[in-house]
Amino acid sequence: MSVKFQTEFAEGWILKNAFRYSSTQTQRNGLFALNVLTADSFYRAQAGLLSQAPGASQLGFQYVTTGTPYAANQNGNGLVIQGGLRGITMPMTEVANDLHLSHVFYTGSSKHDFNFGYYYAHFNQNFSRYSSKAYLDVQNNSRLLNIVALDGSGKVVKNFSDNGVSQYGYEWADANGEQTTNALYVSDEWQLTPKFRIDGGVRWENTQTDGVVEQSKVVNLGTYATSQITTGNGVWQGYNHHFDYTTWTLGADYQLSDNMGLFARYTSAARIPGFATYYTNVNSTAVTQTMQLGELGFKYARREFAFYGTGFYTRYNNVGFTNTVSTLNGFTQVNAFANTNTYGLELEGSVFPVKWFDVSATATLQHGEYQGLVAEAASGGTLTQKYNYNGNKLIRVPQASLRVVPGINLFNSRIRVQAPIEYEGKRYTDVANSQILPAYTLVSLDAQINVTKEISVFGVVDNLTNSLGLTEGNPRQGEIQSAAAGQYIFLARPLFGRSFKVSLRYKF
């Protein structure tokens, strides 16, 4: 529910208030790929299971629904995925209110647009998580697999899985808490001359959060799948913390002419800790992440073309990293903090040579690297020696990206067809820069037909050429040092394949 109010109680004085109340029940169920390997590799790595099945001489997989054995080159690849079945429940109630006072006034020939406000927010939230492991084959619409022990004739001696689940409760969490935020902010936009304007703002924010987190234990219910269940131990540990920080921004804009100008801005921002810092660990290290953002730009626009160029600098301090490396029988985890520095250039332009054709383009060139990041390296799922990652490139951030959109307008602009072309340069999956995601190009096709003033039909073909671009590695194999580096088989998030969408819009 939202309620908004506005009144001009005196000349040039405007009071606004925006109130919002929400109550949500969020349930997230997902399947996450933890590891991928050949079935033979699994049999060798887990050969110790045979000691739990007298008379067995080998391990195997069977399909849960049919009992059919998993062949050596099943699906043409012989691969299996260890997946995490994760369920998260997060009910939350939230109240937020923004009280805003603005006043426009003049000092001599210059104009001020002054704003002052008070922001309040409070929420109560529960968080519960329960995850299990299962094995699946590698194909479209993957099927569940049971781990079985076989005798010399191929007869099943023991079934280790429970309908595909190989381990119940490998993840578990239960917590509830609340958070209250109070913030004061003030800003002013000062038009010194018709061509020159500066603006600035300051915001002070205070957050108080408290709650309880149930501690965990591991229980064994007697079977392979239930032998390592993480669950609550009935002991609740509490926390109560408060944090505050002041952020600010300053900008300027100068119009060289009616269609050309310069602009600049510097911002000091922050992300302070809160409920999300503690809901799985009351002893988490609370760190305020601060950011310095600067930009300097030029803009030029005419009817035939437009151009915008912006040089930028960003520095993030105390960026948190969690290096989680999943193995077949568990996981290792290390937390680290680092600073990042990025310099870059953003270019944007459009050309309208004729009424029926136009082209627009955006490009980003940037150089970003880590500073002060020293963490433990992971090798084969085991955390080993300390390693210095200073100067390494940022994860999942290409140094060059480009988007070009040529378009045509037909039949007096009743039909518009355009073809977005996107290029993403190579990126790294981890801070160590040990695993590369190759550059890729994505081509799509969009069309709009205005049947009447009220009715329009839209058609979209995403990934027209079926590009096999990879957008992200497997964070469950380590974001600081990838345990999958150098492997000829690894998990990554690809672009979706070619897809089609048609929609209809009616205005009334």
Foldseek 3Di string as FASTA:
>chain_A
DKDKDWDDPDVQKIKIKIKDKDKDKDKDKDKAFQDKDAPVVVFVVVVVCVVVFPQFDTKFKAFLPPRHTQDNCRPNNRMKTKIKTKMKIKIKIKIKMKIKMWGWDDDPPKIKIKMKIKIKMKMKMKMKMWMFIFMWDDDVPTTTIWMFTAHPVRDTRDTQADSGTQATALDIWTKIKMKMKIKIKIKMWMGPDPFKIKMKMKMKMKMKMKIKIFDWDFDQPDGRHRGGHIDGPPDIDMDIDMDMDMKMKMKMKGAPDPFKIKIKMKIKDKDFDYPVQPRGHVPGDTDIKIKIKIKIKMWGDDPFKIKIKMKMKMKIFFDKDWWWADDPVHIDIDIWTWMKIKIKMKMKMKGPNDPFKIKIKIKIAMFMWIDPTWDFADALRDTDDIDDLGPAGDALAARMKMWMKIWGAPDNNQKIKIKIKIKGAKGAQASNSLHIFHIWIFIKMKMWGNPDPFKIKIKIKGRPVFIFGFRHFRSNQTRHHGNCRPPPDGGTHTDDGIDMDMDMGGDD
